[in-house]
Amino acid sequence: MPIAADADKLLAMNGLKRLRLERLMTQVELSAKTGVSPRTLATAENGGFVGMKTRRRILDSLGEPYERHMELFGPIVREDREGELSD
């Protein structure tokens, strides 16, 4: 694949996944470093809900300040059991 295509793919990626790939890490490697399961990392990279403690562990392991959590993960909002949004 040409380098320009790789750059385009990186720009389109979720910010968290982009950070992980820029550090040449797999989800399994980041999982080992953070203690967060690969499934939870995949959820976070795909825009799913992860809590504040998990966000902090991931960002600390990637050497990023916690202040970037909104930029990289989005707001801390999830659906409750009835399917309504809650914060």
PDB file of N, CA and C in Angstrom:
ATOM      1  N   MET A   1       0.844  -1.181   0.000  1.00  0.00           N
ATOM      2  CA  MET A   1       0.000   0.000   0.000  1.00  0.00           C
ATOM      3  C   MET A   1       0.889   1.244   0.000  1.00  0.00           C
ATOM      4  N   PRO A   2       0.596   2.247  -0.821  1.00  0.00           N
ATOM      5  CA  PRO A   2       1.409   3.463  -0.847  1.00  0.00           C
ATOM      6  C   PRO A   2       1.353   4.215   0.484  1.00  0.00           C
ATOM      7  N   ILE A   3       2.406   4.948   0.762  1.00  0.00           N
ATOM      8  CA  ILE A   3       2.495   5.689   2.023  1.00  0.00           C
ATOM      9  C   ILE A   3       1.361   6.702   2.151  1.00  0.00           C
ATOM     10  N   ALA A   4       0.988   7.384   1.065  1.00  0.00           N
ATOM     11  CA  ALA A   4      -0.098   8.367   1.122  1.00  0.00           C
ATOM     12  C   ALA A   4      -1.396   7.711   1.560  1.00  0.00           C
ATOM     13  N   ALA A   5      -1.664   6.515   1.106  1.00  0.00           N
ATOM     14  CA  ALA A   5      -2.880   5.804   1.508  1.00  0.00           C
ATOM     15  C   ALA A   5      -2.828   5.482   3.002  1.00  0.00           C
ATOM     16  N   ASP A   6      -1.656   5.118   3.506  1.00  0.00           N
ATOM     17  CA  ASP A   6      -1.501   4.866   4.937  1.00  0.00           C
ATOM     18  C   ASP A   6      -1.789   6.133   5.730  1.00  0.00           C
ATOM     19  N   ALA A   7      -1.300   7.259   5.272  1.00  0.00           N
ATOM     20  CA  ALA A   7      -1.533   8.533   5.947  1.00  0.00           C
ATOM     21  C   ALA A   7      -3.019   8.874   5.946  1.00  0.00           C
ATOM     22  N   ASP A   8      -3.695   8.644   4.836  1.00  0.00           N
ATOM     23  CA  ASP A   8      -5.133   8.900   4.769  1.00  0.00           C
ATOM     24  C   ASP A   8      -5.896   8.020   5.750  1.00  0.00           C
ATOM     25  N   LYS A   9      -5.492   6.763   5.867  1.00  0.00           N
ATOM     26  CA  LYS A   9      -6.149   5.859   6.808  1.00  0.00           C
ATOM     27  C   LYS A   9      -5.949   6.342   8.236  1.00  0.00           C
ATOM     28  N   LEU A  10      -4.753   6.808   8.569  1.00  0.00           N
ATOM     29  CA  LEU A  10      -4.487   7.306   9.914  1.00  0.00           C
ATOM     30  C   LEU A  10      -5.342   8.518  10.242  1.00  0.00           C
ATOM     31  N   LEU A  11      -5.512   9.424   9.280  1.00  0.00           N
ATOM     32  CA  LEU A  11      -6.313  10.614   9.522  1.00  0.00           C
ATOM     33  C   LEU A  11      -7.775  10.268   9.789  1.00  0.00           C
ATOM     34  N   ALA A  12      -8.264   9.228   9.161  1.00  0.00           N
ATOM     35  CA  ALA A  12      -9.665   8.843   9.313  1.00  0.00           C
ATOM     36  C   ALA A  12      -9.924   8.047  10.591  1.00  0.00           C
ATOM     37  N   MET A  13      -8.880   7.586  11.261  1.00  0.00           N
ATOM     38  CA  MET A  13      -9.030   6.741  12.438  1.00  0.00           C
ATOM     39  C   MET A  13      -9.443   7.518  13.666  1.00  0.00           C
ATOM     40  N   ASN A  14     -10.011   6.778  14.585  1.00  0.00           N
ATOM     41  CA  ASN A  14     -10.274   7.278  15.917  1.00  0.00           C
ATOM     42  C   ASN A  14      -8.952   7.758  16.514  1.00  0.00           C
ATOM     43  N   GLY A  15      -8.993   8.848  17.271  1.00  0.00           N
ATOM     44  CA  GLY A  15      -7.771   9.414  17.842  1.00  0.00           C
ATOM     45  C   GLY A  15      -7.009   8.463  18.740  1.00  0.00           C
ATOM     46  N   LEU A  16      -7.736   7.658  19.499  1.00  0.00           N
ATOM     47  CA  LEU A  16      -7.081   6.706  20.389  1.00  0.00           C
ATOM     48  C   LEU A  16      -6.331   5.644  19.598  1.00  0.00           C
ATOM     49  N   LYS A  17      -6.966   5.107  18.583  1.00  0.00           N
ATOM     50  CA  LYS A  17      -6.306   4.097  17.753  1.00  0.00           C
ATOM     51  C   LYS A  17      -5.091   4.696  17.055  1.00  0.00           C
ATOM     52  N   ARG A  18      -5.227   5.917  16.582  1.00  0.00           N
ATOM     53  CA  ARG A  18      -4.109   6.591  15.922  1.00  0.00           C
ATOM     54  C   ARG A  18      -2.919   6.726  16.874  1.00  0.00           C
ATOM     55  N   LEU A  19      -3.192   7.133  18.117  1.00  0.00           N
ATOM     56  CA  LEU A  19      -2.108   7.252  19.111  1.00  0.00           C
ATOM     57  C   LEU A  19      -1.415   5.911  19.330  1.00  0.00           C
ATOM     58  N   ARG A  20      -2.215   4.860  19.462  1.00  0.00           N
ATOM     59  CA  ARG A  20      -1.644   3.526  19.693  1.00  0.00           C
ATOM     60  C   ARG A  20      -0.768   3.107  18.524  1.00  0.00           C
ATOM     61  N   LEU A  21      -1.259   3.310  17.314  1.00  0.00           N
ATOM     62  CA  LEU A  21      -0.494   2.908  16.133  1.00  0.00           C
ATOM     63  C   LEU A  21       0.753   3.773  15.932  1.00  0.00           C
ATOM     64  N   GLU A  22       0.674   5.058  16.265  1.00  0.00           N
ATOM     65  CA  GLU A  22       1.858   5.922  16.179  1.00  0.00           C
ATOM     66  C   GLU A  22       2.956   5.434  17.109  1.00  0.00           C
ATOM     67  N   ARG A  23       2.564   4.779  18.191  1.00  0.00           N
ATOM     68  CA  ARG A  23       3.539   4.229  19.136  1.00  0.00           C
ATOM     69  C   ARG A  23       3.907   2.787  18.800  1.00  0.00           C
ATOM     70  N   LEU A  24       3.450   2.337  17.623  1.00  0.00           N
ATOM     71  CA  LEU A  24       3.754   1.004  17.107  1.00  0.00           C
ATOM     72  C   LEU A  24       3.353  -0.094  18.090  1.00  0.00           C
ATOM     73  N   MET A  25       2.164   0.043  18.674  1.00  0.00           N
ATOM     74  CA  MET A  25       1.677  -0.930  19.647  1.00  0.00           C
ATOM     75  C   MET A  25       0.433  -1.630  19.105  1.00  0.00           C
ATOM     76  N   THR A  26       0.310  -2.913  19.424  1.00  0.00           N
ATOM     77  CA  THR A  26      -0.921  -3.638  19.143  1.00  0.00           C
ATOM     78  C   THR A  26      -1.870  -3.446  20.326  1.00  0.00           C
ATOM     79  N   GLN A  27      -3.125  -3.823  20.143  1.00  0.00           N
ATOM     80  CA  GLN A  27      -4.066  -3.762  21.265  1.00  0.00           C
ATOM     81  C   GLN A  27      -3.610  -4.692  22.384  1.00  0.00           C
ATOM     82  N   VAL A  28      -3.043  -5.834  22.034  1.00  0.00           N
ATOM     83  CA  VAL A  28      -2.577  -6.787  23.049  1.00  0.00           C
ATOM     84  C   VAL A  28      -1.422  -6.181  23.850  1.00  0.00           C
ATOM     85  N   GLU A  29      -0.512  -5.502  23.173  1.00  0.00           N
ATOM     86  CA  GLU A  29       0.608  -4.859  23.878  1.00  0.00           C
ATOM     87  C   GLU A  29       0.112  -3.750  24.802  1.00  0.00           C
ATOM     88  N   LEU A  30      -0.813  -2.933  24.308  1.00  0.00           N
ATOM     89  CA  LEU A  30      -1.348  -1.860  25.149  1.00  0.00           C
ATOM     90  C   LEU A  30      -2.143  -2.448  26.309  1.00  0.00           C
ATOM     91  N   SER A  31      -2.832  -3.536  26.056  1.00  0.00           N
ATOM     92  CA  SER A  31      -3.573  -4.215  27.107  1.00  0.00           C
ATOM     93  C   SER A  31      -2.636  -4.668  28.231  1.00  0.00           C
ATOM     94  N   ALA A  32      -1.521  -5.257  27.855  1.00  0.00           N
ATOM     95  CA  ALA A  32      -0.544  -5.721  28.852  1.00  0.00           C
ATOM     96  C   ALA A  32       0.017  -4.545  29.652  1.00  0.00           C
ATOM     97  N   LYS A  33       0.225  -3.427  28.993  1.00  0.00           N
ATOM     98  CA  LYS A  33       0.792  -2.253  29.652  1.00  0.00           C
ATOM     99  C   LYS A  33      -0.210  -1.573  30.584  1.00  0.00           C
ATOM    100  N   THR A  34      -1.494  -1.588  30.207  1.00  0.00           N
ATOM    101  CA  THR A  34      -2.516  -0.877  30.971  1.00  0.00           C
ATOM    102  C   THR A  34      -3.269  -1.740  31.966  1.00  0.00           C
ATOM    103  N   GLY A  35      -3.320  -3.059  31.700  1.00  0.00           N
ATOM    104  CA  GLY A  35      -4.166  -3.917  32.510  1.00  0.00           C
ATOM    105  C   GLY A  35      -5.626  -3.857  32.073  1.00  0.00           C
ATOM    106  N   VAL A  36      -5.885  -3.227  30.929  1.00  0.00           N
ATOM    107  CA  VAL A  36      -7.222  -3.124  30.346  1.00  0.00           C
ATOM    108  C   VAL A  36      -7.329  -4.202  29.273  1.00  0.00           C
ATOM    109  N   SER A  37      -8.441  -4.916  29.237  1.00  0.00           N
ATOM    110  CA  SER A  37      -8.569  -6.024  28.290  1.00  0.00           C
ATOM    111  C   SER A  37      -8.551  -5.532  26.841  1.00  0.00           C
ATOM    112  N   PRO A  38      -8.066  -6.366  25.905  1.00  0.00           N
ATOM    113  CA  PRO A  38      -8.097  -5.992  24.488  1.00  0.00           C
ATOM    114  C   PRO A  38      -9.519  -5.677  24.011  1.00  0.00           C
ATOM    115  N   ARG A  39     -10.488  -6.383  24.548  1.00  0.00           N
ATOM    116  CA  ARG A  39     -11.879  -6.120  24.161  1.00  0.00           C
ATOM    117  C   ARG A  39     -12.308  -4.705  24.577  1.00  0.00           C
ATOM    118  N   THR A  40     -11.927  -4.284  25.777  1.00  0.00           N
ATOM    119  CA  THR A  40     -12.254  -2.926  26.235  1.00  0.00           C
ATOM    120  C   THR A  40     -11.527  -1.889  25.395  1.00  0.00           C
ATOM    121  N   LEU A  41     -10.271  -2.165  25.040  1.00  0.00           N
ATOM    122  CA  LEU A  41      -9.539  -1.240  24.166  1.00  0.00           C
ATOM    123  C   LEU A  41     -10.231  -1.118  22.811  1.00  0.00           C
ATOM    124  N   ALA A  42     -10.680  -2.233  22.264  1.00  0.00           N
ATOM    125  CA  ALA A  42     -11.394  -2.205  20.985  1.00  0.00           C
ATOM    126  C   ALA A  42     -12.678  -1.398  21.111  1.00  0.00           C
ATOM    127  N   THR A  43     -13.379  -1.580  22.220  1.00  0.00           N
ATOM    128  CA  THR A  43     -14.601  -0.802  22.464  1.00  0.00           C
ATOM    129  C   THR A  43     -14.282   0.685  22.468  1.00  0.00           C
ATOM    130  N   ALA A  44     -13.225   1.076  23.179  1.00  0.00           N
ATOM    131  CA  ALA A  44     -12.835   2.486  23.247  1.00  0.00           C
ATOM    132  C   ALA A  44     -12.456   3.019  21.866  1.00  0.00           C
ATOM    133  N   GLU A  45     -11.702   2.240  21.114  1.00  0.00           N
ATOM    134  CA  GLU A  45     -11.271   2.679  19.779  1.00  0.00           C
ATOM    135  C   GLU A  45     -12.439   2.796  18.810  1.00  0.00           C
ATOM    136  N   ASN A  46     -13.500   2.053  19.069  1.00  0.00           N
ATOM    137  CA  ASN A  46     -14.676   2.098  18.199  1.00  0.00           C
ATOM    138  C   ASN A  46     -15.746   3.057  18.699  1.00  0.00           C
ATOM    139  N   GLY A  47     -15.390   3.882  19.682  1.00  0.00           N
ATOM    140  CA  GLY A  47     -16.314   4.906  20.158  1.00  0.00           C
ATOM    141  C   GLY A  47     -17.287   4.448  21.217  1.00  0.00           C
ATOM    142  N   GLY A  48     -17.082   3.247  21.769  1.00  0.00           N
ATOM    143  CA  GLY A  48     -17.965   2.747  22.821  1.00  0.00           C
ATOM    144  C   GLY A  48     -17.619   3.354  24.172  1.00  0.00           C
ATOM    145  N   PHE A  49     -18.477   3.101  25.147  1.00  0.00           N
ATOM    146  CA  PHE A  49     -18.294   3.656  26.483  1.00  0.00           C
ATOM    147  C   PHE A  49     -17.167   2.971  27.238  1.00  0.00           C
ATOM    148  N   VAL A  50     -16.279   3.774  27.805  1.00  0.00           N
ATOM    149  CA  VAL A  50     -15.307   3.316  28.802  1.00  0.00           C
ATOM    150  C   VAL A  50     -15.268   4.376  29.894  1.00  0.00           C
ATOM    151  N   GLY A  51     -15.157   3.937  31.130  1.00  0.00           N
ATOM    152  CA  GLY A  51     -15.204   4.842  32.272  1.00  0.00           C
ATOM    153  C   GLY A  51     -13.947   5.671  32.456  1.00  0.00           C
ATOM    154  N   MET A  52     -14.024   6.579  33.422  1.00  0.00           N
ATOM    155  CA  MET A  52     -12.931   7.518  33.665  1.00  0.00           C
ATOM    156  C   MET A  52     -11.650   6.828  34.100  1.00  0.00           C
ATOM    157  N   LYS A  53     -11.744   5.828  34.973  1.00  0.00           N
ATOM    158  CA  LYS A  53     -10.533   5.130  35.434  1.00  0.00           C
ATOM    159  C   LYS A  53      -9.838   4.439  34.270  1.00  0.00           C
ATOM    160  N   THR A  54     -10.623   3.824  33.391  1.00  0.00           N
ATOM    161  CA  THR A  54     -10.051   3.139  32.231  1.00  0.00           C
ATOM    162  C   THR A  54      -9.415   4.145  31.292  1.00  0.00           C
ATOM    163  N   ARG A  55     -10.073   5.257  31.065  1.00  0.00           N
ATOM    164  CA  ARG A  55      -9.505   6.319  30.218  1.00  0.00           C
ATOM    165  C   ARG A  55      -8.161   6.761  30.755  1.00  0.00           C
ATOM    166  N   ARG A  56      -8.118   6.990  32.065  1.00  0.00           N
ATOM    167  CA  ARG A  56      -6.868   7.451  32.695  1.00  0.00           C
ATOM    168  C   ARG A  56      -5.755   6.417  32.534  1.00  0.00           C
ATOM    169  N   ARG A  57      -6.068   5.148  32.735  1.00  0.00           N
ATOM    170  CA  ARG A  57      -5.048   4.091  32.606  1.00  0.00           C
ATOM    171  C   ARG A  57      -4.506   4.029  31.186  1.00  0.00           C
ATOM    172  N   ILE A  58      -5.391   4.143  30.207  1.00  0.00           N
ATOM    173  CA  ILE A  58      -4.962   4.104  28.805  1.00  0.00           C
ATOM    174  C   ILE A  58      -4.100   5.312  28.482  1.00  0.00           C
ATOM    175  N   LEU A  59      -4.570   6.506  28.854  1.00  0.00           N
ATOM    176  CA  LEU A  59      -3.817   7.724  28.549  1.00  0.00           C
ATOM    177  C   LEU A  59      -2.472   7.749  29.264  1.00  0.00           C
ATOM    178  N   ASP A  60      -2.432   7.325  30.516  1.00  0.00           N
ATOM    179  CA  ASP A  60      -1.157   7.266  31.246  1.00  0.00           C
ATOM    180  C   ASP A  60      -0.175   6.352  30.523  1.00  0.00           C
ATOM    181  N   SER A  61      -0.660   5.208  30.054  1.00  0.00           N
ATOM    182  CA  SER A  61       0.209   4.240  29.370  1.00  0.00           C
ATOM    183  C   SER A  61       0.707   4.759  28.031  1.00  0.00           C
ATOM    184  N   LEU A  62      -0.065   5.641  27.411  1.00  0.00           N
ATOM    185  CA  LEU A  62       0.353   6.222  26.130  1.00  0.00           C
ATOM    186  C   LEU A  62       1.127   7.527  26.318  1.00  0.00           C
ATOM    187  N   GLY A  63       1.316   7.944  27.579  1.00  0.00           N
ATOM    188  CA  GLY A  63       2.069   9.163  27.856  1.00  0.00           C
ATOM    189  C   GLY A  63       1.312  10.436  27.510  1.00  0.00           C
ATOM    190  N   GLU A  64      -0.004  10.361  27.564  1.00  0.00           N
ATOM    191  CA  GLU A  64      -0.836  11.520  27.230  1.00  0.00           C
ATOM    192  C   GLU A  64      -1.497  12.061  28.493  1.00  0.00           C
ATOM    193  N   PRO A  65      -1.699  13.382  28.567  1.00  0.00           N
ATOM    194  CA  PRO A  65      -2.364  13.953  29.740  1.00  0.00           C
ATOM    195  C   PRO A  65      -3.849  13.595  29.747  1.00  0.00           C
ATOM    196  N   TYR A  66      -4.392  13.445  30.935  1.00  0.00           N
ATOM    197  CA  TYR A  66      -5.802  13.090  31.063  1.00  0.00           C
ATOM    198  C   TYR A  66      -6.713  14.151  30.429  1.00  0.00           C
ATOM    199  N   GLU A  67      -6.253  15.367  30.370  1.00  0.00           N
ATOM    200  CA  GLU A  67      -7.051  16.457  29.804  1.00  0.00           C
ATOM    201  C   GLU A  67      -7.464  16.192  28.356  1.00  0.00           C
ATOM    202  N   ARG A  68      -6.804  15.270  27.676  1.00  0.00           N
ATOM    203  CA  ARG A  68      -7.147  14.944  26.284  1.00  0.00           C
ATOM    204  C   ARG A  68      -8.263  13.907  26.180  1.00  0.00           C
ATOM    205  N   HIS A  69      -8.794  13.436  27.317  1.00  0.00           N
ATOM    206  CA  HIS A  69      -9.750  12.328  27.259  1.00  0.00           C
ATOM    207  C   HIS A  69     -10.988  12.657  26.438  1.00  0.00           C
ATOM    208  N   MET A  70     -11.500  13.870  26.512  1.00  0.00           N
ATOM    209  CA  MET A  70     -12.698  14.218  25.735  1.00  0.00           C
ATOM    210  C   MET A  70     -12.394  14.189  24.236  1.00  0.00           C
ATOM    211  N   GLU A  71     -11.238  14.679  23.880  1.00  0.00           N
ATOM    212  CA  GLU A  71     -10.823  14.701  22.467  1.00  0.00           C
ATOM    213  C   GLU A  71     -10.660  13.276  21.917  1.00  0.00           C
ATOM    214  N   LEU A  72     -10.094  12.391  22.720  1.00  0.00           N
ATOM    215  CA  LEU A  72      -9.776  11.048  22.246  1.00  0.00           C
ATOM    216  C   LEU A  72     -10.894  10.030  22.446  1.00  0.00           C
ATOM    217  N   PHE A  73     -11.718  10.214  23.476  1.00  0.00           N
ATOM    218  CA  PHE A  73     -12.763   9.243  23.780  1.00  0.00           C
ATOM    219  C   PHE A  73     -14.179   9.772  23.579  1.00  0.00           C
ATOM    220  N   GLY A  74     -14.328  11.085  23.593  1.00  0.00           N
ATOM    221  CA  GLY A  74     -15.668  11.659  23.541  1.00  0.00           C
ATOM    222  C   GLY A  74     -16.232  11.818  24.947  1.00  0.00           C
ATOM    223  N   PRO A  75     -17.477  12.300  25.036  1.00  0.00           N
ATOM    224  CA  PRO A  75     -18.081  12.538  26.358  1.00  0.00           C
ATOM    225  C   PRO A  75     -18.330  11.235  27.106  1.00  0.00           C
ATOM    226  N   ILE A  76     -18.417  11.357  28.417  1.00  0.00           N
ATOM    227  CA  ILE A  76     -18.711  10.194  29.257  1.00  0.00           C
ATOM    228  C   ILE A  76     -20.227  10.097  29.375  1.00  0.00           C
ATOM    229  N   VAL A  77     -20.822   9.434  28.408  1.00  0.00           N
ATOM    230  CA  VAL A  77     -22.271   9.232  28.358  1.00  0.00           C
ATOM    231  C   VAL A  77     -22.507   7.795  27.933  1.00  0.00           C
ATOM    232  N   ARG A  78     -23.463   7.154  28.525  1.00  0.00           N
ATOM    233  CA  ARG A  78     -23.802   5.791  28.123  1.00  0.00           C
ATOM    234  C   ARG A  78     -25.304   5.603  28.215  1.00  0.00           C
ATOM    235  N   GLU A  79     -25.784   4.566  27.562  1.00  0.00           N
ATOM    236  CA  GLU A  79     -27.208   4.258  27.626  1.00  0.00           C
ATOM    237  C   GLU A  79     -27.493   3.479  28.898  1.00  0.00           C
ATOM    238  N   ASP A  80     -28.605   3.813  29.543  1.00  0.00           N
ATOM    239  CA  ASP A  80     -29.004   3.014  30.691  1.00  0.00           C
ATOM    240  C   ASP A  80     -29.739   1.771  30.216  1.00  0.00           C
ATOM    241  N   ARG A  81     -30.232   0.981  31.104  1.00  0.00           N
ATOM    242  CA  ARG A  81     -30.855  -0.292  30.734  1.00  0.00           C
ATOM    243  C   ARG A  81     -32.101  -0.136  29.876  1.00  0.00           C
ATOM    244  N   GLU A  82     -32.769   1.008  29.955  1.00  0.00           N
ATOM    245  CA  GLU A  82     -33.954   1.240  29.141  1.00  0.00           C
ATOM    246  C   GLU A  82     -33.603   1.847  27.790  1.00  0.00           C
ATOM    247  N   GLY A  83     -32.314   2.027  27.504  1.00  0.00           N
ATOM    248  CA  GLY A  83     -31.877   2.568  26.227  1.00  0.00           C
ATOM    249  C   GLY A  83     -31.851   4.081  26.160  1.00  0.00           C
ATOM    250  N   GLU A  84     -32.045   4.748  27.300  1.00  0.00           N
ATOM    251  CA  GLU A  84     -31.972   6.206  27.325  1.00  0.00           C
ATOM    252  C   GLU A  84     -30.566   6.634  27.712  1.00  0.00           C
ATOM    253  N   LEU A  85     -30.169   7.807  27.225  1.00  0.00           N
ATOM    254  CA  LEU A  85     -28.834   8.314  27.541  1.00  0.00           C
ATOM    255  C   LEU A  85     -28.793   8.843  28.962  1.00  0.00           C
ATOM    256  N   SER A  86     -27.679   8.605  29.626  1.00  0.00           N
ATOM    257  CA  SER A  86     -27.454   9.153  30.967  1.00  0.00           C
ATOM    258  C   SER A  86     -26.002   9.592  31.064  1.00  0.00           C
ATOM    259  N   ASP A  87     -25.710  10.471  32.028  1.00  0.00           N
ATOM    260  CA  ASP A  87     -24.319  10.885  32.202  1.00  0.00           C
ATOM    261  C   ASP A  87     -23.827  10.602  33.576  1.00  0.00           C
TER     262      ASP A  87
END
